Amino acid sequence: ALARHLGRALQLTNILRDLDEDAGIGRLYLAREWLDAAG
């Protein structure tokens, strides 16, 4: 249970921290539903 929740929390934090680095290699981990909601 701890692994499930803390693992996801840490990974989502890293996704937000690494937006520019990931885009630099052609990746974007933000969910399409979030992008759609933002227009």
PDB file of all heavy atoms in Angstrom:
ATOM      1  N   ALA A   1       0.833  -1.202   0.000  1.00  0.00           N
ATOM      2  CA  ALA A   1       0.000   0.000   0.000  1.00  0.00           C
ATOM      3  C   ALA A   1       0.867   1.250   0.000  1.00  0.00           C
ATOM      4  O   ALA A   1       0.601   2.221  -0.727  1.00  0.00           O
ATOM      5  CB  ALA A   1      -0.941   0.000   1.201  1.00  0.00           C
ATOM      6  N   LEU A   2       1.921   1.243   0.812  1.00  0.00           N
ATOM      7  CA  LEU A   2       2.825   2.398   0.842  1.00  0.00           C
ATOM      8  C   LEU A   2       3.517   2.560  -0.500  1.00  0.00           C
ATOM      9  O   LEU A   2       3.637   3.680  -1.024  1.00  0.00           O
ATOM     10  CB  LEU A   2       3.855   2.219   1.957  1.00  0.00           C
ATOM     11  CG  LEU A   2       4.878   3.354   2.097  1.00  0.00           C
ATOM     12  CD1 LEU A   2       4.186   4.684   2.385  1.00  0.00           C
ATOM     13  CD2 LEU A   2       5.893   3.030   3.186  1.00  0.00           C
ATOM     14  N   ALA A   3       3.974   1.454  -1.072  1.00  0.00           N
ATOM     15  CA  ALA A   3       4.651   1.517  -2.366  1.00  0.00           C
ATOM     16  C   ALA A   3       3.735   2.074  -3.446  1.00  0.00           C
ATOM     17  O   ALA A   3       4.153   2.888  -4.281  1.00  0.00           O
ATOM     18  CB  ALA A   3       5.146   0.126  -2.763  1.00  0.00           C
ATOM     19  N   ARG A   4       2.484   1.638  -3.428  1.00  0.00           N
ATOM     20  CA  ARG A   4       1.526   2.099  -4.433  1.00  0.00           C
ATOM     21  C   ARG A   4       1.364   3.611  -4.383  1.00  0.00           C
ATOM     22  O   ARG A   4       1.453   4.297  -5.415  1.00  0.00           O
ATOM     23  CB  ARG A   4       0.162   1.431  -4.204  1.00  0.00           C
ATOM     24  CG  ARG A   4      -0.961   2.054  -5.035  1.00  0.00           C
ATOM     25  CD  ARG A   4      -2.309   1.397  -4.790  1.00  0.00           C
ATOM     26  NE  ARG A   4      -3.369   2.125  -5.450  1.00  0.00           N
ATOM     27  CZ  ARG A   4      -3.629   2.063  -6.750  1.00  0.00           C
ATOM     28  NH1 ARG A   4      -2.904   1.288  -7.525  1.00  0.00           N
ATOM     29  NH2 ARG A   4      -4.614   2.759  -7.283  1.00  0.00           N
ATOM     30  N   HIS A   5       1.153   4.142  -3.203  1.00  0.00           N
ATOM     31  CA  HIS A   5       0.843   5.567  -3.102  1.00  0.00           C
ATOM     32  C   HIS A   5       2.097   6.453  -3.120  1.00  0.00           C
ATOM     33  O   HIS A   5       2.121   7.466  -3.832  1.00  0.00           O
ATOM     34  CB  HIS A   5       0.017   5.827  -1.840  1.00  0.00           C
ATOM     35  CG  HIS A   5      -1.354   5.230  -1.905  1.00  0.00           C
ATOM     36  ND1 HIS A   5      -2.293   5.647  -2.815  1.00  0.00           N
ATOM     37  CD2 HIS A   5      -1.936   4.230  -1.188  1.00  0.00           C
ATOM     38  CE1 HIS A   5      -3.409   4.940  -2.669  1.00  0.00           C
ATOM     39  NE2 HIS A   5      -3.213   4.079  -1.692  1.00  0.00           N
ATOM     40  N   LEU A   6       3.111   6.074  -2.362  1.00  0.00           N
ATOM     41  CA  LEU A   6       4.297   6.925  -2.341  1.00  0.00           C
ATOM     42  C   LEU A   6       5.016   6.863  -3.680  1.00  0.00           C
ATOM     43  O   LEU A   6       5.530   7.880  -4.162  1.00  0.00           O
ATOM     44  CB  LEU A   6       5.227   6.514  -1.200  1.00  0.00           C
ATOM     45  CG  LEU A   6       6.416   7.440  -0.950  1.00  0.00           C
ATOM     46  CD1 LEU A   6       5.962   8.886  -0.735  1.00  0.00           C
ATOM     47  CD2 LEU A   6       7.244   6.954   0.233  1.00  0.00           C
ATOM     48  N   GLY A   7       5.047   5.689  -4.308  1.00  0.00           N
ATOM     49  CA  GLY A   7       5.673   5.593  -5.623  1.00  0.00           C
ATOM     50  C   GLY A   7       5.021   6.510  -6.633  1.00  0.00           C
ATOM     51  O   GLY A   7       5.698   7.225  -7.382  1.00  0.00           O
ATOM     52  N   ARG A   8       3.702   6.510  -6.664  1.00  0.00           N
ATOM     53  CA  ARG A   8       2.995   7.392  -7.595  1.00  0.00           C
ATOM     54  C   ARG A   8       3.210   8.861  -7.247  1.00  0.00           C
ATOM     55  O   ARG A   8       3.396   9.694  -8.138  1.00  0.00           O
ATOM     56  CB  ARG A   8       1.502   7.043  -7.595  1.00  0.00           C
ATOM     57  CG  ARG A   8       1.178   5.784  -8.398  1.00  0.00           C
ATOM     58  CD  ARG A   8      -0.211   5.257  -8.100  1.00  0.00           C
ATOM     59  NE  ARG A   8      -0.617   4.203  -9.035  1.00  0.00           N
ATOM     60  CZ  ARG A   8      -0.197   2.936  -8.964  1.00  0.00           C
ATOM     61  NH1 ARG A   8       0.642   2.574  -7.998  1.00  0.00           N
ATOM     62  NH2 ARG A   8      -0.610   2.040  -9.862  1.00  0.00           N
ATOM     63  N   ALA A   9       3.186   9.182  -5.972  1.00  0.00           N
ATOM     64  CA  ALA A   9       3.390  10.575  -5.567  1.00  0.00           C
ATOM     65  C   ALA A   9       4.761  11.079  -6.009  1.00  0.00           C
ATOM     66  O   ALA A   9       4.885  12.190  -6.568  1.00  0.00           O
ATOM     67  CB  ALA A   9       3.249  10.701  -4.050  1.00  0.00           C
ATOM     68  N   LEU A  10       5.784  10.272  -5.788  1.00  0.00           N
ATOM     69  CA  LEU A  10       7.140  10.680  -6.166  1.00  0.00           C
ATOM     70  C   LEU A  10       7.281  10.786  -7.675  1.00  0.00           C
ATOM     71  O   LEU A  10       7.907  11.728  -8.189  1.00  0.00           O
ATOM     72  CB  LEU A  10       8.164   9.690  -5.613  1.00  0.00           C
ATOM     73  CG  LEU A  10       8.214   9.498  -4.094  1.00  0.00           C
ATOM     74  CD1 LEU A  10       9.302   8.497  -3.719  1.00  0.00           C
ATOM     75  CD2 LEU A  10       8.429  10.819  -3.367  1.00  0.00           C
ATOM     76  N   GLN A  11       6.701   9.835  -8.410  1.00  0.00           N
ATOM     77  CA  GLN A  11       6.832   9.866  -9.863  1.00  0.00           C
ATOM     78  C   GLN A  11       6.097  11.056 -10.469  1.00  0.00           C
ATOM     79  O   GLN A  11       6.611  11.714 -11.391  1.00  0.00           O
ATOM     80  CB  GLN A  11       6.305   8.560 -10.472  1.00  0.00           C
ATOM     81  CG  GLN A  11       6.511   8.454 -11.980  1.00  0.00           C
ATOM     82  CD  GLN A  11       7.980   8.467 -12.372  1.00  0.00           C
ATOM     83  OE1 GLN A  11       8.837   8.065 -11.580  1.00  0.00           O
ATOM     84  NE2 GLN A  11       8.276   8.916 -13.579  1.00  0.00           N
ATOM     85  N   LEU A  12       4.911  11.356  -9.980  1.00  0.00           N
ATOM     86  CA  LEU A  12       4.176  12.518 -10.493  1.00  0.00           C
ATOM     87  C   LEU A  12       4.925  13.809 -10.186  1.00  0.00           C
ATOM     88  O   LEU A  12       4.945  14.745 -11.002  1.00  0.00           O
ATOM     89  CB  LEU A  12       2.771  12.556  -9.886  1.00  0.00           C
ATOM     90  CG  LEU A  12       1.837  11.426 -10.345  1.00  0.00           C
ATOM     91  CD1 LEU A  12       0.563  11.414  -9.497  1.00  0.00           C
ATOM     92  CD2 LEU A  12       1.491  11.550 -11.833  1.00  0.00           C
ATOM     93  N   THR A  13       5.567  13.856  -9.016  1.00  0.00           N
ATOM     94  CA  THR A  13       6.384  15.028  -8.684  1.00  0.00           C
ATOM     95  C   THR A  13       7.551  15.151  -9.655  1.00  0.00           C
ATOM     96  O   THR A  13       7.860  16.251 -10.142  1.00  0.00           O
ATOM     97  CB  THR A  13       6.899  14.925  -7.239  1.00  0.00           C
ATOM     98  OG1 THR A  13       5.777  14.846  -6.345  1.00  0.00           O
ATOM     99  CG2 THR A  13       7.741  16.137  -6.868  1.00  0.00           C
ATOM    100  N   ASN A  14       8.199  14.039  -9.956  1.00  0.00           N
ATOM    101  CA  ASN A  14       9.310  14.070 -10.908  1.00  0.00           C
ATOM    102  C   ASN A  14       8.846  14.468 -12.305  1.00  0.00           C
ATOM    103  O   ASN A  14       9.563  15.176 -13.022  1.00  0.00           O
ATOM    104  CB  ASN A  14       9.991  12.700 -10.954  1.00  0.00           C
ATOM    105  CG  ASN A  14      10.962  12.488  -9.816  1.00  0.00           C
ATOM    106  OD1 ASN A  14      11.540  13.442  -9.301  1.00  0.00           O
ATOM    107  ND2 ASN A  14      11.148  11.249  -9.411  1.00  0.00           N
ATOM    108  N   ILE A  15       7.670  14.014 -12.701  1.00  0.00           N
ATOM    109  CA  ILE A  15       7.130  14.403 -14.008  1.00  0.00           C
ATOM    110  C   ILE A  15       6.987  15.919 -14.088  1.00  0.00           C
ATOM    111  O   ILE A  15       7.359  16.543 -15.097  1.00  0.00           O
ATOM    112  CB  ILE A  15       5.773  13.705 -14.248  1.00  0.00           C
ATOM    113  CG1 ILE A  15       6.002  12.225 -14.601  1.00  0.00           C
ATOM    114  CG2 ILE A  15       4.971  14.405 -15.358  1.00  0.00           C
ATOM    115  CD1 ILE A  15       4.738  11.399 -14.652  1.00  0.00           C
ATOM    116  N   LEU A  16       6.475  16.522 -13.035  1.00  0.00           N
ATOM    117  CA  LEU A  16       6.302  17.976 -13.014  1.00  0.00           C
ATOM    118  C   LEU A  16       7.643  18.700 -12.951  1.00  0.00           C
ATOM    119  O   LEU A  16       7.791  19.792 -13.502  1.00  0.00           O
ATOM    120  CB  LEU A  16       5.436  18.366 -11.815  1.00  0.00           C
ATOM    121  CG  LEU A  16       3.964  17.945 -11.924  1.00  0.00           C
ATOM    122  CD1 LEU A  16       3.247  18.146 -10.595  1.00  0.00           C
ATOM    123  CD2 LEU A  16       3.262  18.726 -13.030  1.00  0.00           C
ATOM    124  N   ARG A  17       8.603  18.092 -12.310  1.00  0.00           N
ATOM    125  CA  ARG A  17       9.922  18.706 -12.169  1.00  0.00           C
ATOM    126  C   ARG A  17      10.713  18.634 -13.477  1.00  0.00           C
ATOM    127  O   ARG A  17      11.564  19.480 -13.747  1.00  0.00           O
ATOM    128  CB  ARG A  17      10.674  17.981 -11.053  1.00  0.00           C
ATOM    129  CG  ARG A  17      11.860  18.728 -10.470  1.00  0.00           C
ATOM    130  CD  ARG A  17      12.511  17.863  -9.407  1.00  0.00           C
ATOM    131  NE  ARG A  17      13.504  18.588  -8.631  1.00  0.00           N
ATOM    132  CZ  ARG A  17      14.302  18.020  -7.743  1.00  0.00           C
ATOM    133  NH1 ARG A  17      14.231  16.721  -7.524  1.00  0.00           N
ATOM    134  NH2 ARG A  17      15.183  18.739  -7.071  1.00  0.00           N
ATOM    135  N   ASP A  18      10.427  17.605 -14.291  1.00  0.00           N
ATOM    136  CA  ASP A  18      11.243  17.333 -15.478  1.00  0.00           C
ATOM    137  C   ASP A  18      10.547  17.668 -16.791  1.00  0.00           C
ATOM    138  O   ASP A  18      10.906  17.134 -17.842  1.00  0.00           O
ATOM    139  CB  ASP A  18      11.635  15.848 -15.493  1.00  0.00           C
ATOM    140  CG  ASP A  18      12.521  15.450 -14.320  1.00  0.00           C
ATOM    141  OD1 ASP A  18      13.150  16.337 -13.731  1.00  0.00           O
ATOM    142  OD2 ASP A  18      12.568  14.248 -13.998  1.00  0.00           O
ATOM    143  N   LEU A  19       9.555  18.537 -16.757  1.00  0.00           N
ATOM    144  CA  LEU A  19       8.809  18.856 -17.974  1.00  0.00           C
ATOM    145  C   LEU A  19       9.722  19.265 -19.123  1.00  0.00           C
ATOM    146  O   LEU A  19       9.573  18.783 -20.258  1.00  0.00           O
ATOM    147  CB  LEU A  19       7.802  19.981 -17.693  1.00  0.00           C
ATOM    148  CG  LEU A  19       6.559  19.617 -16.891  1.00  0.00           C
ATOM    149  CD1 LEU A  19       5.770  20.883 -16.563  1.00  0.00           C
ATOM    150  CD2 LEU A  19       5.687  18.623 -17.658  1.00  0.00           C
ATOM    151  N   ASP A  20      10.652  20.155 -18.860  1.00  0.00           N
ATOM    152  CA  ASP A  20      11.500  20.666 -19.930  1.00  0.00           C
ATOM    153  C   ASP A  20      12.493  19.617 -20.416  1.00  0.00           C
ATOM    154  O   ASP A  20      12.707  19.473 -21.628  1.00  0.00           O
ATOM    155  CB  ASP A  20      12.234  21.920 -19.451  1.00  0.00           C
ATOM    156  CG  ASP A  20      11.275  23.055 -19.146  1.00  0.00           C
ATOM    157  OD1 ASP A  20      10.745  23.654 -20.090  1.00  0.00           O
ATOM    158  OD2 ASP A  20      11.035  23.335 -17.956  1.00  0.00           O
ATOM    159  N   GLU A  21      13.095  18.877 -19.480  1.00  0.00           N
ATOM    160  CA  GLU A  21      14.043  17.834 -19.862  1.00  0.00           C
ATOM    161  C   GLU A  21      13.369  16.749 -20.688  1.00  0.00           C
ATOM    162  O   GLU A  21      13.917  16.277 -21.694  1.00  0.00           O
ATOM    163  CB  GLU A  21      14.682  17.225 -18.611  1.00  0.00           C
ATOM    164  CG  GLU A  21      15.610  18.164 -17.853  1.00  0.00           C
ATOM    165  CD  GLU A  21      14.885  19.069 -16.874  1.00  0.00           C
ATOM    166  OE1 GLU A  21      13.629  19.136 -16.926  1.00  0.00           O
ATOM    167  OE2 GLU A  21      15.567  19.714 -16.055  1.00  0.00           O
ATOM    168  N   ASP A  22      12.168  16.352 -20.276  1.00  0.00           N
ATOM    169  CA  ASP A  22      11.458  15.310 -21.019  1.00  0.00           C
ATOM    170  C   ASP A  22      11.062  15.789 -22.408  1.00  0.00           C
ATOM    171  O   ASP A  22      11.177  15.041 -23.389  1.00  0.00           O
ATOM    172  CB  ASP A  22      10.207  14.872 -20.237  1.00  0.00           C
ATOM    173  CG  ASP A  22      10.557  14.070 -18.987  1.00  0.00           C
ATOM    174  OD1 ASP A  22      11.631  13.450 -18.959  1.00  0.00           O
ATOM    175  OD2 ASP A  22       9.756  14.088 -18.034  1.00  0.00           O
ATOM    176  N   ALA A  23      10.594  17.029 -22.496  1.00  0.00           N
ATOM    177  CA  ALA A  23      10.220  17.565 -23.811  1.00  0.00           C
ATOM    178  C   ALA A  23      11.420  17.618 -24.736  1.00  0.00           C
ATOM    179  O   ALA A  23      11.289  17.438 -25.958  1.00  0.00           O
ATOM    180  CB  ALA A  23       9.607  18.950 -23.660  1.00  0.00           C
ATOM    181  N   GLY A  24      12.597  17.824 -24.162  1.00  0.00           N
ATOM    182  CA  GLY A  24      13.816  17.876 -24.960  1.00  0.00           C
ATOM    183  C   GLY A  24      14.144  16.571 -25.652  1.00  0.00           C
ATOM    184  O   GLY A  24      14.876  16.558 -26.649  1.00  0.00           O
ATOM    185  N   ILE A  25      13.597  15.452 -25.148  1.00  0.00           N
ATOM    186  CA  ILE A  25      13.804  14.169 -25.817  1.00  0.00           C
ATOM    187  C   ILE A  25      12.481  13.635 -26.391  1.00  0.00           C
ATOM    188  O   ILE A  25      12.323  12.440 -26.616  1.00  0.00           O
ATOM    189  CB  ILE A  25      14.450  13.132 -24.876  1.00  0.00           C
ATOM    190  CG1 ILE A  25      13.626  12.920 -23.597  1.00  0.00           C
ATOM    191  CG2 ILE A  25      15.869  13.531 -24.531  1.00  0.00           C
ATOM    192  CD1 ILE A  25      14.160  11.788 -22.712  1.00  0.00           C
ATOM    193  N   GLY A  26      11.531  14.563 -26.572  1.00  0.00           N
ATOM    194  CA  GLY A  26      10.300  14.208 -27.267  1.00  0.00           C
ATOM    195  C   GLY A  26       9.249  13.525 -26.432  1.00  0.00           C
ATOM    196  O   GLY A  26       8.382  12.832 -26.982  1.00  0.00           O
ATOM    197  N   ARG A  27       9.294  13.723 -25.116  1.00  0.00           N
ATOM    198  CA  ARG A  27       8.324  13.063 -24.244  1.00  0.00           C
ATOM    199  C   ARG A  27       7.511  14.082 -23.458  1.00  0.00           C
ATOM    200  O   ARG A  27       7.976  15.177 -23.147  1.00  0.00           O
ATOM    201  CB  ARG A  27       9.037  12.112 -23.272  1.00  0.00           C
ATOM    202  CG  ARG A  27       9.733  10.952 -23.957  1.00  0.00           C
ATOM    203  CD  ARG A  27      10.520  10.109 -22.991  1.00  0.00           C
ATOM    204  NE  ARG A  27      11.260   9.058 -23.680  1.00  0.00           N
ATOM    205  CZ  ARG A  27      12.221   8.335 -23.114  1.00  0.00           C
ATOM    206  NH1 ARG A  27      12.542   8.539 -21.848  1.00  0.00           N
ATOM    207  NH2 ARG A  27      12.851   7.398 -23.814  1.00  0.00           N
ATOM    208  N   LEU A  28       6.300  13.666 -23.113  1.00  0.00           N
ATOM    209  CA  LEU A  28       5.401  14.501 -22.315  1.00  0.00           C
ATOM    210  C   LEU A  28       4.500  13.567 -21.514  1.00  0.00           C
ATOM    211  O   LEU A  28       3.668  12.860 -22.090  1.00  0.00           O
ATOM    212  CB  LEU A  28       4.560  15.404 -23.217  1.00  0.00           C
ATOM    213  CG  LEU A  28       3.525  16.283 -22.509  1.00  0.00           C
ATOM    214  CD1 LEU A  28       4.211  17.371 -21.682  1.00  0.00           C
ATOM    215  CD2 LEU A  28       2.579  16.908 -23.520  1.00  0.00           C
ATOM    216  N   TYR A  29       4.678  13.554 -20.204  1.00  0.00           N
ATOM    217  CA  TYR A  29       3.972  12.589 -19.371  1.00  0.00           C
ATOM    218  C   TYR A  29       2.679  13.132 -18.755  1.00  0.00           C
ATOM    219  O   TYR A  29       1.981  12.395 -18.069  1.00  0.00           O
ATOM    220  CB  TYR A  29       4.895  12.086 -18.254  1.00  0.00           C
ATOM    221  CG  TYR A  29       6.078  11.291 -18.764  1.00  0.00           C
ATOM    222  CD1 TYR A  29       7.317  11.898 -18.972  1.00  0.00           C
ATOM    223  CD2 TYR A  29       5.952   9.939 -19.050  1.00  0.00           C
ATOM    224  CE1 TYR A  29       8.398  11.178 -19.442  1.00  0.00           C
ATOM    225  CE2 TYR A  29       7.035   9.204 -19.527  1.00  0.00           C
ATOM    226  CZ  TYR A  29       8.258   9.829 -19.713  1.00  0.00           C
ATOM    227  OH  TYR A  29       9.333   9.110 -20.189  1.00  0.00           O
ATOM    228  N   LEU A  30       2.348  14.398 -18.988  1.00  0.00           N
ATOM    229  CA  LEU A  30       1.077  14.915 -18.494  1.00  0.00           C
ATOM    230  C   LEU A  30      -0.069  14.218 -19.226  1.00  0.00           C
ATOM    231  O   LEU A  30      -0.042  14.080 -20.446  1.00  0.00           O
ATOM    232  CB  LEU A  30       0.988  16.429 -18.709  1.00  0.00           C
ATOM    233  CG  LEU A  30       1.943  17.300 -17.879  1.00  0.00           C
ATOM    234  CD1 LEU A  30       1.757  18.761 -18.243  1.00  0.00           C
ATOM    235  CD2 LEU A  30       1.735  17.085 -16.388  1.00  0.00           C
ATOM    236  N   ALA A  31      -1.083  13.804 -18.476  1.00  0.00           N
ATOM    237  CA  ALA A  31      -2.189  13.053 -19.064  1.00  0.00           C
ATOM    238  C   ALA A  31      -2.968  13.900 -20.066  1.00  0.00           C
ATOM    239  O   ALA A  31      -3.156  15.109 -19.872  1.00  0.00           O
ATOM    240  CB  ALA A  31      -3.116  12.541 -17.965  1.00  0.00           C
ATOM    241  N   ARG A  32      -3.427  13.248 -21.114  1.00  0.00           N
ATOM    242  CA  ARG A  32      -4.173  13.974 -22.156  1.00  0.00           C
ATOM    243  C   ARG A  32      -5.444  14.595 -21.589  1.00  0.00           C
ATOM    244  O   ARG A  32      -5.883  15.652 -22.044  1.00  0.00           O
ATOM    245  CB  ARG A  32      -4.500  13.041 -23.318  1.00  0.00           C
ATOM    246  CG  ARG A  32      -5.527  11.955 -23.027  1.00  0.00           C
ATOM    247  CD  ARG A  32      -5.759  11.050 -24.221  1.00  0.00           C
ATOM    248  NE  ARG A  32      -4.532  10.372 -24.605  1.00  0.00           N
ATOM    249  CZ  ARG A  32      -4.488   9.348 -25.467  1.00  0.00           C
ATOM    250  NH1 ARG A  32      -5.620   8.930 -26.035  1.00  0.00           N
ATOM    251  NH2 ARG A  32      -3.366   8.764 -25.766  1.00  0.00           N
ATOM    252  N   GLU A  33      -6.040  13.926 -20.574  1.00  0.00           N
ATOM    253  CA  GLU A  33      -7.244  14.495 -19.961  1.00  0.00           C
ATOM    254  C   GLU A  33      -6.951  15.844 -19.312  1.00  0.00           C
ATOM    255  O   GLU A  33      -7.785  16.747 -19.346  1.00  0.00           O
ATOM    256  CB  GLU A  33      -7.808  13.524 -18.920  1.00  0.00           C
ATOM    257  CG  GLU A  33      -8.421  12.251 -19.496  1.00  0.00           C
ATOM    258  CD  GLU A  33      -7.439  11.109 -19.629  1.00  0.00           C
ATOM    259  OE1 GLU A  33      -6.200  11.382 -19.676  1.00  0.00           O
ATOM    260  OE2 GLU A  33      -7.877   9.948 -19.679  1.00  0.00           O
ATOM    261  N   TRP A  34      -5.768  15.975 -18.715  1.00  0.00           N
ATOM    262  CA  TRP A  34      -5.403  17.259 -18.094  1.00  0.00           C
ATOM    263  C   TRP A  34      -5.155  18.320 -19.159  1.00  0.00           C
ATOM    264  O   TRP A  34      -5.535  19.480 -18.978  1.00  0.00           O
ATOM    265  CB  TRP A  34      -4.147  17.078 -17.241  1.00  0.00           C
ATOM    266  CG  TRP A  34      -4.313  16.104 -16.113  1.00  0.00           C
ATOM    267  CD1 TRP A  34      -5.471  15.784 -15.456  1.00  0.00           C
ATOM    268  CD2 TRP A  34      -3.283  15.307 -15.516  1.00  0.00           C
ATOM    269  NE1 TRP A  34      -5.219  14.857 -14.475  1.00  0.00           N
ATOM    270  CE2 TRP A  34      -3.901  14.540 -14.493  1.00  0.00           C
ATOM    271  CE3 TRP A  34      -1.914  15.179 -15.720  1.00  0.00           C
ATOM    272  CZ2 TRP A  34      -3.170  13.659 -13.686  1.00  0.00           C
ATOM    273  CZ3 TRP A  34      -1.191  14.300 -14.932  1.00  0.00           C
ATOM    274  CH2 TRP A  34      -1.814  13.546 -13.924  1.00  0.00           C
ATOM    275  N   LEU A  35      -4.529  17.931 -20.254  1.00  0.00           N
ATOM    276  CA  LEU A  35      -4.287  18.884 -21.343  1.00  0.00           C
ATOM    277  C   LEU A  35      -5.606  19.321 -21.962  1.00  0.00           C
ATOM    278  O   LEU A  35      -5.807  20.512 -22.241  1.00  0.00           O
ATOM    279  CB  LEU A  35      -3.382  18.264 -22.399  1.00  0.00           C
ATOM    280  CG  LEU A  35      -1.965  17.871 -21.952  1.00  0.00           C
ATOM    281  CD1 LEU A  35      -1.223  17.199 -23.104  1.00  0.00           C
ATOM    282  CD2 LEU A  35      -1.181  19.077 -21.456  1.00  0.00           C
ATOM    283  N   ASP A  36      -6.506  18.384 -22.175  1.00  0.00           N
ATOM    284  CA  ASP A  36      -7.814  18.720 -22.747  1.00  0.00           C
ATOM    285  C   ASP A  36      -8.562  19.697 -21.839  1.00  0.00           C
ATOM    286  O   ASP A  36      -9.164  20.672 -22.319  1.00  0.00           O
ATOM    287  CB  ASP A  36      -8.653  17.457 -22.945  1.00  0.00           C
ATOM    288  CG  ASP A  36      -8.132  16.573 -24.069  1.00  0.00           C
ATOM    289  OD1 ASP A  36      -7.356  17.079 -24.904  1.00  0.00           O
ATOM    290  OD2 ASP A  36      -8.496  15.378 -24.091  1.00  0.00           O
ATOM    291  N   ALA A  37      -8.526  19.435 -20.533  1.00  0.00           N
ATOM    292  CA  ALA A  37      -9.223  20.310 -19.584  1.00  0.00           C
ATOM    293  C   ALA A  37      -8.627  21.708 -19.576  1.00  0.00           C
ATOM    294  O   ALA A  37      -9.333  22.690 -19.297  1.00  0.00           O
ATOM    295  CB  ALA A  37      -9.181  19.708 -18.186  1.00  0.00           C
ATOM    296  N   ALA A  38      -7.343  21.808 -19.909  1.00  0.00           N
ATOM    297  CA  ALA A  38      -6.676  23.113 -19.958  1.00  0.00           C
ATOM    298  C   ALA A  38      -6.848  23.794 -21.311  1.00  0.00           C
ATOM    299  O   ALA A  38      -6.391  24.926 -21.496  1.00  0.00           O
ATOM    300  CB  ALA A  38      -5.182  22.953 -19.653  1.00  0.00           C
ATOM    301  N   GLY A  39      -7.507  23.106 -22.249  1.00  0.00           N
ATOM    302  CA  GLY A  39      -7.723  23.681 -23.571  1.00  0.00           C
ATOM    303  C   GLY A  39      -6.532  23.545 -24.495  1.00  0.00           C
ATOM    304  O   GLY A  39      -6.453  24.233 -25.523  1.00  0.00           O
TER     305      GLY A  39
END
